[in-house]
């Protein structure tokens, strides 16, 4: 990740996937209680949340250095 645009693209992709996974998790919660949710779903949501936070901090630092 050498520049802001690559970081921004990665952030947007991760954030989009995170939104889809959160929607999926909410949908599973709304389904019948007998359905077992995907076991890896929460791990992936946590990973993407952390990734988005890190990329957001990096983008903020880049923006601050350009000011």
Protein backbone atom coordinates (compact mmCIF):
# COMPACT_ATOMS: atom_id res chain seq x y z
CA UNK A 1 0.00 0.00 0.00
CA UNK A 2 2.06 2.82 -1.26
CA UNK A 3 -0.44 5.60 -1.68
CA UNK A 4 -3.64 7.05 -0.39
CA UNK A 5 -5.77 5.85 -3.30
CA UNK A 6 -4.75 2.21 -2.84
CA UNK A 7 -5.44 2.46 0.88
CA UNK A 8 -8.79 4.09 0.20
CA UNK A 9 -9.74 1.35 -2.26
CA UNK A 10 -8.80 -1.34 0.26
CA UNK A 11 -10.76 0.47 2.99
CA UNK A 12 -13.85 0.75 0.79
CA UNK A 13 -13.68 -2.93 -0.19
CA UNK A 14 -13.27 -4.05 3.43
CA UNK A 15 -16.02 -1.73 4.61
CA UNK A 16 -18.40 -2.99 1.92
CA UNK A 17 -17.71 -6.62 2.82
CA UNK A 18 -18.14 -5.78 6.50
CA UNK A 19 -21.53 -4.24 5.80
CA UNK A 20 -22.65 -7.32 3.88
CA UNK A 21 -21.48 -9.65 6.65
CA UNK A 22 -23.23 -7.59 9.31
CA UNK A 23 -26.43 -7.71 7.26
CA UNK A 24 -26.03 -11.48 6.93
CA UNK A 25 -25.49 -11.83 10.68
CA UNK A 26 -28.57 -9.71 11.41
CA UNK A 27 -30.60 -11.80 8.95
CA UNK A 28 -29.45 -15.02 10.63
CA UNK A 29 -30.45 -13.61 14.01
CA UNK A 30 -33.91 -12.84 12.63
CA UNK A 31 -34.29 -16.39 11.29
CA UNK A 32 -35.59 -19.31 13.33
CA UNK A 33 -33.53 -19.83 16.46
CA UNK A 34 -32.82 -23.44 15.47
CA UNK A 35 -30.50 -22.36 12.66
CA UNK A 36 -26.82 -22.41 13.53
CA UNK A 37 -25.05 -19.32 12.21
CA UNK A 38 -21.86 -19.69 10.22
CA UNK A 39 -19.18 -20.24 12.87
CA UNK A 40 -16.55 -18.14 11.08
CA UNK A 41 -18.86 -15.18 10.49
CA UNK A 42 -18.12 -13.36 13.75
CA UNK A 43 -14.37 -13.92 13.33
CA UNK A 44 -14.49 -12.38 9.85
CA UNK A 45 -16.59 -9.45 11.09
CA UNK A 46 -14.08 -8.82 13.88
CA UNK A 47 -11.14 -9.03 11.48
CA UNK A 48 -12.72 -6.63 9.00
CA UNK A 49 -13.71 -4.21 11.77
CA UNK A 50 -10.11 -4.06 12.96
CA UNK A 51 -8.82 -3.71 9.40
CA UNK A 52 -11.22 -0.84 8.70
CA UNK A 53 -10.19 0.92 11.91
CA UNK A 54 -6.49 0.58 11.03
CA UNK A 55 -6.98 1.78 7.47
CA UNK A 56 -9.11 4.69 8.68
CA UNK A 57 -6.37 5.77 11.08
CA UNK A 58 -3.81 5.50 8.30
CA UNK A 59 -5.93 7.62 5.96
CA UNK A 60 -6.40 10.23 8.70
CA UNK A 61 -2.65 10.36 9.26
CA UNK A 62 -2.02 10.78 5.53
CA UNK A 63 -4.59 13.55 5.32
CA UNK A 64 -3.12 15.30 8.36
CA UNK A 65 0.39 15.15 6.90
CA UNK A 66 -0.82 16.79 3.71
CA UNK A 67 -2.29 19.76 5.56
